[in-house]
PDB file of all heavy atoms in Angstrom:
ATOM      1  N   LEU A   1      72.909 -96.614  58.391  1.00  0.00           N
ATOM      2  CA  LEU A   1      72.122 -96.946  59.558  1.00  0.00           C
ATOM      3  C   LEU A   1      72.267 -95.860  60.602  1.00  0.00           C
ATOM      4  O   LEU A   1      73.221 -95.084  60.594  1.00  0.00           O
ATOM      5  CB  LEU A   1      72.509 -98.324  60.130  1.00  0.00           C
ATOM      6  CG  LEU A   1      73.950 -98.561  60.610  1.00  0.00           C
ATOM      7  CD1 LEU A   1      74.155 -98.023  62.024  1.00  0.00           C
ATOM      8  CD2 LEU A   1      74.264-100.050  60.563  1.00  0.00           C
ATOM      9  N   ILE A   2      71.303 -95.845  61.492  1.00  0.00           N
ATOM     10  CA  ILE A   2      71.312 -94.867  62.564  1.00  0.00           C
ATOM     11  C   ILE A   2      70.738 -95.513  63.808  1.00  0.00           C
ATOM     12  O   ILE A   2      69.725 -96.208  63.756  1.00  0.00           O
ATOM     13  CB  ILE A   2      70.523 -93.594  62.166  1.00  0.00           C
ATOM     14  CG1 ILE A   2      70.597 -92.544  63.271  1.00  0.00           C
ATOM     15  CG2 ILE A   2      69.078 -93.930  61.804  1.00  0.00           C
ATOM     16  CD1 ILE A   2      70.089 -91.183  62.832  1.00  0.00           C
ATOM     17  N   THR A   3      71.396 -95.307  64.920  1.00  0.00           N
ATOM     18  CA  THR A   3      70.915 -95.852  66.183  1.00  0.00           C
ATOM     19  C   THR A   3      69.910 -94.907  66.812  1.00  0.00           C
ATOM     20  O   THR A   3      69.763 -93.758  66.398  1.00  0.00           O
ATOM     21  CB  THR A   3      72.079 -96.091  67.154  1.00  0.00           C
ATOM     22  OG1 THR A   3      72.606 -94.830  67.583  1.00  0.00           O
ATOM     23  CG2 THR A   3      73.179 -96.912  66.498  1.00  0.00           C
ATOM     24  N   ARG A   4      69.243 -95.381  67.824  1.00  0.00           N
ATOM     25  CA  ARG A   4      68.257 -94.533  68.485  1.00  0.00           C
ATOM     26  C   ARG A   4      68.907 -93.335  69.142  1.00  0.00           C
ATOM     27  O   ARG A   4      68.258 -92.307  69.336  1.00  0.00           O
ATOM     28  CB  ARG A   4      67.458 -95.332  69.509  1.00  0.00           C
ATOM     29  CG  ARG A   4      68.284 -95.879  70.672  1.00  0.00           C
ATOM     30  CD  ARG A   4      67.393 -96.664  71.621  1.00  0.00           C
ATOM     31  NE  ARG A   4      66.354 -95.812  72.209  1.00  0.00           N
ATOM     32  CZ  ARG A   4      65.323 -96.268  72.911  1.00  0.00           C
ATOM     33  NH1 ARG A   4      65.183 -97.572  73.109  1.00  0.00           N
ATOM     34  NH2 ARG A   4      64.429 -95.430  73.401  1.00  0.00           N
ATOM     35  N   GLY A   5      70.174 -93.458  69.478  1.00  0.00           N
ATOM     36  CA  GLY A   5      70.885 -92.361  70.095  1.00  0.00           C
ATOM     37  C   GLY A   5      71.478 -91.365  69.126  1.00  0.00           C
ATOM     38  O   GLY A   5      71.926 -90.292  69.540  1.00  0.00           O
ATOM     39  N   GLY A   6      71.515 -91.717  67.850  1.00  0.00           N
ATOM     40  CA  GLY A   6      72.007 -90.785  66.860  1.00  0.00           C
ATOM     41  C   GLY A   6      73.205 -91.184  66.029  1.00  0.00           C
ATOM     42  O   GLY A   6      73.301 -90.742  64.876  1.00  0.00           O
ATOM     43  N   PRO A   7      74.138 -91.989  66.569  1.00  0.00           N
ATOM     44  CA  PRO A   7      75.306 -92.350  65.759  1.00  0.00           C
ATOM     45  C   PRO A   7      74.903 -93.016  64.452  1.00  0.00           C
ATOM     46  O   PRO A   7      73.953 -93.799  64.403  1.00  0.00           O
ATOM     47  CB  PRO A   7      76.075 -93.311  66.662  1.00  0.00           C
ATOM     48  CG  PRO A   7      75.707 -92.880  68.047  1.00  0.00           C
ATOM     49  CD  PRO A   7      74.254 -92.505  67.938  1.00  0.00           C
ATOM     50  N   THR A   8      75.635 -92.711  63.411  1.00  0.00           N
ATOM     51  CA  THR A   8      75.327 -93.215  62.081  1.00  0.00           C
ATOM     52  C   THR A   8      76.505 -93.959  61.485  1.00  0.00           C
ATOM     53  O   THR A   8      77.644 -93.826  61.929  1.00  0.00           O
ATOM     54  CB  THR A   8      74.939 -92.071  61.138  1.00  0.00           C
ATOM     55  OG1 THR A   8      76.023 -91.138  61.055  1.00  0.00           O
ATOM     56  CG2 THR A   8      73.696 -91.352  61.648  1.00  0.00           C
ATOM     57  N   ASN A   9      76.206 -94.726  60.472  1.00  0.00           N
ATOM     58  CA  ASN A   9      77.225 -95.436  59.727  1.00  0.00           C
ATOM     59  C   ASN A   9      76.807 -95.471  58.268  1.00  0.00           C
ATOM     60  O   ASN A   9      75.645 -95.730  57.966  1.00  0.00           O
ATOM     61  CB  ASN A   9      77.417 -96.858  60.259  1.00  0.00           C
ATOM     62  CG  ASN A   9      78.592 -97.567  59.622  1.00  0.00           C
ATOM     63  OD1 ASN A   9      79.711 -97.079  59.662  1.00  0.00           O
ATOM     64  ND2 ASN A   9      78.341 -98.731  59.040  1.00  0.00           N
ATOM     65  N   TYR A  10      77.756 -95.205  57.386  1.00  0.00           N
ATOM     66  CA  TYR A  10      77.475 -95.164  55.963  1.00  0.00           C
ATOM     67  C   TYR A  10      78.419 -96.069  55.196  1.00  0.00           C
ATOM     68  O   TYR A  10      79.582 -96.241  55.569  1.00  0.00           O
ATOM     69  CB  TYR A  10      77.636 -93.749  55.414  1.00  0.00           C
ATOM     70  CG  TYR A  10      76.660 -92.743  55.954  1.00  0.00           C
ATOM     71  CD1 TYR A  10      76.974 -91.978  57.070  1.00  0.00           C
ATOM     72  CD2 TYR A  10      75.428 -92.545  55.338  1.00  0.00           C
ATOM     73  CE1 TYR A  10      76.081 -91.046  57.567  1.00  0.00           C
ATOM     74  CE2 TYR A  10      74.534 -91.613  55.822  1.00  0.00           C
ATOM     75  CZ  TYR A  10      74.866 -90.866  56.942  1.00  0.00           C
ATOM     76  OH  TYR A  10      73.980 -89.932  57.429  1.00  0.00           O
ATOM     77  N   ALA A  11      77.913 -96.610  54.115  1.00  0.00           N
ATOM     78  CA  ALA A  11      78.778 -97.309  53.190  1.00  0.00           C
ATOM     79  C   ALA A  11      79.734 -96.311  52.565  1.00  0.00           C
ATOM     80  O   ALA A  11      79.380 -95.150  52.337  1.00  0.00           O
ATOM     81  CB  ALA A  11      77.956 -97.997  52.103  1.00  0.00           C
ATOM     82  N   ASP A  12      80.938 -96.764  52.287  1.00  0.00           N
ATOM     83  CA  ASP A  12      81.927 -95.869  51.696  1.00  0.00           C
ATOM     84  C   ASP A  12      81.431 -95.256  50.391  1.00  0.00           C
ATOM     85  O   ASP A  12      81.755 -94.115  50.070  1.00  0.00           O
ATOM     86  CB  ASP A  12      83.235 -96.611  51.452  1.00  0.00           C
ATOM     87  CG  ASP A  12      83.974 -96.943  52.735  1.00  0.00           C
ATOM     88  OD1 ASP A  12      83.705 -96.299  53.765  1.00  0.00           O
ATOM     89  OD2 ASP A  12      84.827 -97.849  52.704  1.00  0.00           O
ATOM     90  N   SER A  13      80.640 -96.009  49.662  1.00  0.00           N
ATOM     91  CA  SER A  13      80.178 -95.557  48.364  1.00  0.00           C
ATOM     92  C   SER A  13      79.192 -94.397  48.433  1.00  0.00           C
ATOM     93  O   SER A  13      78.959 -93.724  47.430  1.00  0.00           O
ATOM     94  CB  SER A  13      79.539 -96.723  47.594  1.00  0.00           C
ATOM     95  OG  SER A  13      78.440 -97.259  48.310  1.00  0.00           O
ATOM     96  N   VAL A  14      78.616 -94.158  49.605  1.00  0.00           N
ATOM     97  CA  VAL A  14      77.623 -93.092  49.720  1.00  0.00           C
ATOM     98  C   VAL A  14      78.024 -92.004  50.697  1.00  0.00           C
ATOM     99  O   VAL A  14      77.303 -91.005  50.831  1.00  0.00           O
ATOM    100  CB  VAL A  14      76.237 -93.649  50.125  1.00  0.00           C
ATOM    101  CG1 VAL A  14      75.815 -94.758  49.181  1.00  0.00           C
ATOM    102  CG2 VAL A  14      76.247 -94.138  51.566  1.00  0.00           C
ATOM    103  N   LYS A  15      79.138 -92.166  51.355  1.00  0.00           N
ATOM    104  CA  LYS A  15      79.587 -91.156  52.303  1.00  0.00           C
ATOM    105  C   LYS A  15      79.736 -89.807  51.622  1.00  0.00           C
ATOM    106  O   LYS A  15      80.298 -89.700  50.542  1.00  0.00           O
ATOM    107  CB  LYS A  15      80.919 -91.569  52.935  1.00  0.00           C
ATOM    108  CG  LYS A  15      80.808 -92.674  53.959  1.00  0.00           C
ATOM    109  CD  LYS A  15      82.170 -92.992  54.569  1.00  0.00           C
ATOM    110  CE  LYS A  15      82.066 -94.082  55.622  1.00  0.00           C
ATOM    111  NZ  LYS A  15      83.395 -94.430  56.185  1.00  0.00           N
ATOM    112  N   GLY A  16      79.220 -88.798  52.276  1.00  0.00           N
ATOM    113  CA  GLY A  16      79.283 -87.456  51.730  1.00  0.00           C
ATOM    114  C   GLY A  16      78.168 -87.140  50.766  1.00  0.00           C
ATOM    115  O   GLY A  16      78.023 -85.981  50.357  1.00  0.00           O
ATOM    116  N   ARG A  17      77.377 -88.141  50.391  1.00  0.00           N
ATOM    117  CA  ARG A  17      76.289 -87.916  49.451  1.00  0.00           C
ATOM    118  C   ARG A  17      74.923 -88.209  50.054  1.00  0.00           C
ATOM    119  O   ARG A  17      73.950 -87.524  49.735  1.00  0.00           O
ATOM    120  CB  ARG A  17      76.477 -88.775  48.197  1.00  0.00           C
ATOM    121  CG  ARG A  17      77.755 -88.473  47.433  1.00  0.00           C
ATOM    122  CD  ARG A  17      77.782 -89.182  46.081  1.00  0.00           C
ATOM    123  NE  ARG A  17      77.720 -90.633  46.216  1.00  0.00           N
ATOM    124  CZ  ARG A  17      76.723 -91.400  45.766  1.00  0.00           C
ATOM    125  NH1 ARG A  17      75.691 -90.841  45.138  1.00  0.00           N
ATOM    126  NH2 ARG A  17      76.761 -92.711  45.930  1.00  0.00           N
ATOM    127  N   PHE A  18      74.839 -89.224  50.892  1.00  0.00           N
ATOM    128  CA  PHE A  18      73.572 -89.612  51.503  1.00  0.00           C
ATOM    129  C   PHE A  18      73.554 -89.205  52.969  1.00  0.00           C
ATOM    130  O   PHE A  18      74.595 -89.185  53.637  1.00  0.00           O
ATOM    131  CB  PHE A  18      73.357 -91.124  51.415  1.00  0.00           C
ATOM    132  CG  PHE A  18      73.146 -91.655  50.027  1.00  0.00           C
ATOM    133  CD1 PHE A  18      73.252 -90.850  48.911  1.00  0.00           C
ATOM    134  CD2 PHE A  18      72.831 -92.998  49.847  1.00  0.00           C
ATOM    135  CE1 PHE A  18      73.065 -91.343  47.630  1.00  0.00           C
ATOM    136  CE2 PHE A  18      72.631 -93.514  48.576  1.00  0.00           C
ATOM    137  CZ  PHE A  18      72.743 -92.691  47.466  1.00  0.00           C
ATOM    138  N   THR A  19      72.377 -88.922  53.462  1.00  0.00           N
ATOM    139  CA  THR A  19      72.199 -88.581  54.860  1.00  0.00           C
ATOM    140  C   THR A  19      71.016 -89.345  55.427  1.00  0.00           C
ATOM    141  O   THR A  19      69.924 -89.304  54.863  1.00  0.00           O
ATOM    142  CB  THR A  19      71.971 -87.075  55.051  1.00  0.00           C
ATOM    143  OG1 THR A  19      73.091 -86.340  54.539  1.00  0.00           O
ATOM    144  CG2 THR A  19      71.805 -86.752  56.534  1.00  0.00           C
ATOM    145  N   ILE A  20      71.250 -90.030  56.523  1.00  0.00           N
ATOM    146  CA  ILE A  20      70.187 -90.762  57.182  1.00  0.00           C
ATOM    147  C   ILE A  20      69.774 -90.003  58.438  1.00  0.00           C
ATOM    148  O   ILE A  20      70.606 -89.417  59.132  1.00  0.00           O
ATOM    149  CB  ILE A  20      70.617 -92.203  57.524  1.00  0.00           C
ATOM    150  CG1 ILE A  20      69.426 -93.026  58.027  1.00  0.00           C
ATOM    151  CG2 ILE A  20      71.754 -92.218  58.540  1.00  0.00           C
ATOM    152  CD1 ILE A  20      69.720 -94.517  58.152  1.00  0.00           C
ATOM    153  N   SER A  21      68.494 -90.008  58.715  1.00  0.00           N
ATOM    154  CA  SER A  21      67.976 -89.342  59.896  1.00  0.00           C
ATOM    155  C   SER A  21      66.764 -90.109  60.399  1.00  0.00           C
ATOM    156  O   SER A  21      66.169 -90.906  59.672  1.00  0.00           O
ATOM    157  CB  SER A  21      67.609 -87.884  59.597  1.00  0.00           C
ATOM    158  OG  SER A  21      66.604 -87.813  58.599  1.00  0.00           O
ATOM    159  N   ARG A  22      66.417 -89.867  61.636  1.00  0.00           N
ATOM    160  CA  ARG A  22      65.261 -90.555  62.197  1.00  0.00           C
ATOM    161  C   ARG A  22      64.519 -89.658  63.164  1.00  0.00           C
ATOM    162  O   ARG A  22      65.071 -88.700  63.711  1.00  0.00           O
ATOM    163  CB  ARG A  22      65.680 -91.855  62.903  1.00  0.00           C
ATOM    164  CG  ARG A  22      66.526 -91.650  64.155  1.00  0.00           C
ATOM    165  CD  ARG A  22      66.999 -92.989  64.724  1.00  0.00           C
ATOM    166  NE  ARG A  22      65.899 -93.778  65.257  1.00  0.00           N
ATOM    167  CZ  ARG A  22      66.015 -95.038  65.687  1.00  0.00           C
ATOM    168  NH1 ARG A  22      67.193 -95.655  65.607  1.00  0.00           N
ATOM    169  NH2 ARG A  22      64.960 -95.683  66.165  1.00  0.00           N
ATOM    170  N   ASP A  23      63.275 -89.995  63.361  1.00  0.00           N
ATOM    171  CA  ASP A  23      62.433 -89.322  64.324  1.00  0.00           C
ATOM    172  C   ASP A  23      61.907 -90.409  65.246  1.00  0.00           C
ATOM    173  O   ASP A  23      60.999 -91.157  64.880  1.00  0.00           O
ATOM    174  CB  ASP A  23      61.290 -88.582  63.632  1.00  0.00           C
ATOM    175  CG  ASP A  23      60.456 -87.757  64.587  1.00  0.00           C
ATOM    176  OD1 ASP A  23      60.399 -88.085  65.786  1.00  0.00           O
ATOM    177  OD2 ASP A  23      59.839 -86.773  64.132  1.00  0.00           O
ATOM    178  N   ASN A  24      62.481 -90.502  66.415  1.00  0.00           N
ATOM    179  CA  ASN A  24      62.107 -91.570  67.333  1.00  0.00           C
ATOM    180  C   ASN A  24      60.653 -91.471  67.778  1.00  0.00           C
ATOM    181  O   ASN A  24      59.998 -92.483  68.013  1.00  0.00           O
ATOM    182  CB  ASN A  24      63.021 -91.560  68.552  1.00  0.00           C
ATOM    183  CG  ASN A  24      64.432 -92.000  68.238  1.00  0.00           C
ATOM    184  OD1 ASN A  24      64.667 -92.680  67.229  1.00  0.00           O
ATOM    185  ND2 ASN A  24      65.376 -91.628  69.087  1.00  0.00           N
ATOM    186  N   ALA A  25      60.169 -90.257  67.905  1.00  0.00           N
ATOM    187  CA  ALA A  25      58.790 -90.070  68.334  1.00  0.00           C
ATOM    188  C   ALA A  25      57.806 -90.619  67.311  1.00  0.00           C
ATOM    189  O   ALA A  25      56.740 -91.118  67.665  1.00  0.00           O
ATOM    190  CB  ALA A  25      58.509 -88.599  68.602  1.00  0.00           C
ATOM    191  N   LYS A  26      58.161 -90.511  66.042  1.00  0.00           N
ATOM    192  CA  LYS A  26      57.293 -90.987  64.971  1.00  0.00           C
ATOM    193  C   LYS A  26      57.690 -92.362  64.461  1.00  0.00           C
ATOM    194  O   LYS A  26      56.990 -92.937  63.627  1.00  0.00           O
ATOM    195  CB  LYS A  26      57.292 -89.991  63.817  1.00  0.00           C
ATOM    196  CG  LYS A  26      56.741 -88.626  64.173  1.00  0.00           C
ATOM    197  CD  LYS A  26      56.760 -87.706  62.960  1.00  0.00           C
ATOM    198  CE  LYS A  26      56.172 -86.349  63.292  1.00  0.00           C
ATOM    199  NZ  LYS A  26      56.190 -85.441  62.116  1.00  0.00           N
ATOM    200  N   ASN A  27      58.827 -92.862  64.930  1.00  0.00           N
ATOM    201  CA  ASN A  27      59.335 -94.158  64.480  1.00  0.00           C
ATOM    202  C   ASN A  27      59.532 -94.176  62.966  1.00  0.00           C
ATOM    203  O   ASN A  27      59.116 -95.112  62.275  1.00  0.00           O
ATOM    204  CB  ASN A  27      58.404 -95.290  64.898  1.00  0.00           C
ATOM    205  CG  ASN A  27      59.130 -96.370  65.683  1.00  0.00           C
ATOM    206  OD1 ASN A  27      60.286 -96.212  66.069  1.00  0.00           O
ATOM    207  ND2 ASN A  27      58.456 -97.481  65.923  1.00  0.00           N
ATOM    208  N   THR A  28      60.159 -93.146  62.482  1.00  0.00           N
ATOM    209  CA  THR A  28      60.442 -93.048  61.060  1.00  0.00           C
ATOM    210  C   THR A  28      61.927 -92.856  60.827  1.00  0.00           C
ATOM    211  O   THR A  28      62.651 -92.365  61.695  1.00  0.00           O
ATOM    212  CB  THR A  28      59.686 -91.878  60.404  1.00  0.00           C
ATOM    213  OG1 THR A  28      60.077 -90.646  61.025  1.00  0.00           O
ATOM    214  CG2 THR A  28      58.181 -92.055  60.557  1.00  0.00           C
ATOM    215  N   VAL A  29      62.362 -93.242  59.668  1.00  0.00           N
ATOM    216  CA  VAL A  29      63.736 -93.026  59.252  1.00  0.00           C
ATOM    217  C   VAL A  29      63.724 -92.581  57.801  1.00  0.00           C
ATOM    218  O   VAL A  29      62.992 -93.132  56.976  1.00  0.00           O
ATOM    219  CB  VAL A  29      64.598 -94.288  59.448  1.00  0.00           C
ATOM    220  CG1 VAL A  29      64.049 -95.470  58.646  1.00  0.00           C
ATOM    221  CG2 VAL A  29      66.051 -94.012  59.082  1.00  0.00           C
ATOM    222  N   ASP A  30      64.512 -91.572  57.516  1.00  0.00           N
ATOM    223  CA  ASP A  30      64.601 -91.031  56.174  1.00  0.00           C
ATOM    224  C   ASP A  30      66.007 -91.210  55.627  1.00  0.00           C
ATOM    225  O   ASP A  30      66.982 -91.304  56.377  1.00  0.00           O
ATOM    226  CB  ASP A  30      64.255 -89.548  56.154  1.00  0.00           C
ATOM    227  CG  ASP A  30      62.780 -89.271  56.374  1.00  0.00           C
ATOM    228  OD1 ASP A  30      62.002 -90.227  56.529  1.00  0.00           O
ATOM    229  OD2 ASP A  30      62.402 -88.080  56.389  1.00  0.00           O
ATOM    230  N   LEU A  31      66.092 -91.242  54.339  1.00  0.00           N
ATOM    231  CA  LEU A  31      67.380 -91.271  53.668  1.00  0.00           C
ATOM    232  C   LEU A  31      67.345 -90.244  52.555  1.00  0.00           C
ATOM    233  O   LEU A  31      66.527 -90.343  51.641  1.00  0.00           O
ATOM    234  CB  LEU A  31      67.683 -92.658  53.092  1.00  0.00           C
ATOM    235  CG  LEU A  31      69.058 -92.817  52.445  1.00  0.00           C
ATOM    236  CD1 LEU A  31      70.152 -92.771  53.508  1.00  0.00           C
ATOM    237  CD2 LEU A  31      69.147 -94.116  51.655  1.00  0.00           C
ATOM    238  N   GLN A  32      68.217 -89.267  52.668  1.00  0.00           N
ATOM    239  CA  GLN A  32      68.356 -88.267  51.628  1.00  0.00           C
ATOM    240  C   GLN A  32      69.510 -88.656  50.724  1.00  0.00           C
ATOM    241  O   GLN A  32      70.627 -88.865  51.197  1.00  0.00           O
ATOM    242  CB  GLN A  32      68.594 -86.887  52.231  1.00  0.00           C
ATOM    243  CG  GLN A  32      67.469 -86.393  53.118  1.00  0.00           C
ATOM    244  CD  GLN A  32      67.762 -85.030  53.705  1.00  0.00           C
ATOM    245  OE1 GLN A  32      67.940 -84.053  52.973  1.00  0.00           O
ATOM    246  NE2 GLN A  32      67.812 -84.959  55.017  1.00  0.00           N
ATOM    247  N   LEU A  33      69.211 -88.768  49.466  1.00  0.00           N
ATOM    248  CA  LEU A  33      70.200 -89.160  48.477  1.00  0.00           C
ATOM    249  C   LEU A  33      70.537 -87.947  47.625  1.00  0.00           C
ATOM    250  O   LEU A  33      69.676 -87.423  46.920  1.00  0.00           O
ATOM    251  CB  LEU A  33      69.682 -90.287  47.580  1.00  0.00           C
ATOM    252  CG  LEU A  33      69.342 -91.644  48.215  1.00  0.00           C
ATOM    253  CD1 LEU A  33      68.052 -91.582  49.027  1.00  0.00           C
ATOM    254  CD2 LEU A  33      69.186 -92.697  47.111  1.00  0.00           C
ATOM    255  N   HIS A  34      71.762 -87.517  47.694  1.00  0.00           N
ATOM    256  CA  HIS A  34      72.224 -86.375  46.929  1.00  0.00           C
ATOM    257  C   HIS A  34      73.346 -86.782  45.989  1.00  0.00           C
ATOM    258  O   HIS A  34      74.015 -87.793  46.196  1.00  0.00           O
ATOM    259  CB  HIS A  34      72.701 -85.256  47.848  1.00  0.00           C
ATOM    260  CG  HIS A  34      71.655 -84.726  48.770  1.00  0.00           C
ATOM    261  ND1 HIS A  34      70.526 -84.085  48.308  1.00  0.00           N
ATOM    262  CD2 HIS A  34      71.564 -84.739  50.126  1.00  0.00           C
ATOM    263  CE1 HIS A  34      69.779 -83.724  49.348  1.00  0.00           C
ATOM    264  NE2 HIS A  34      70.391 -84.108  50.451  1.00  0.00           N
ATOM    265  N   ARG A  35      73.544 -85.962  44.989  1.00  0.00           N
ATOM    266  CA  ARG A  35      74.582 -86.223  43.997  1.00  0.00           C
ATOM    267  C   ARG A  35      74.490 -87.655  43.498  1.00  0.00           C
ATOM    268  O   ARG A  35      75.453 -88.414  43.521  1.00  0.00           O
ATOM    269  CB  ARG A  35      75.954 -85.926  44.594  1.00  0.00           C
ATOM    270  CG  ARG A  35      76.118 -84.474  45.053  1.00  0.00           C
ATOM    271  CD  ARG A  35      77.519 -84.192  45.588  1.00  0.00           C
ATOM    272  NE  ARG A  35      78.523 -84.349  44.569  1.00  0.00           N
ATOM    273  CZ  ARG A  35      79.503 -85.247  44.619  1.00  0.00           C
ATOM    274  NH1 ARG A  35      79.613 -86.054  45.662  1.00  0.00           N
ATOM    275  NH2 ARG A  35      80.379 -85.319  43.623  1.00  0.00           N
TER     276      ARG A  35
END
């Protein structure tokens, strides 16, 4: 998850592999899944 201000939280199982990001202007959120 990601707050509007930027802080994020990840499940332990995906830490270091997934990245969440958002664009507040577009009201979108992305999740990059790696490894």
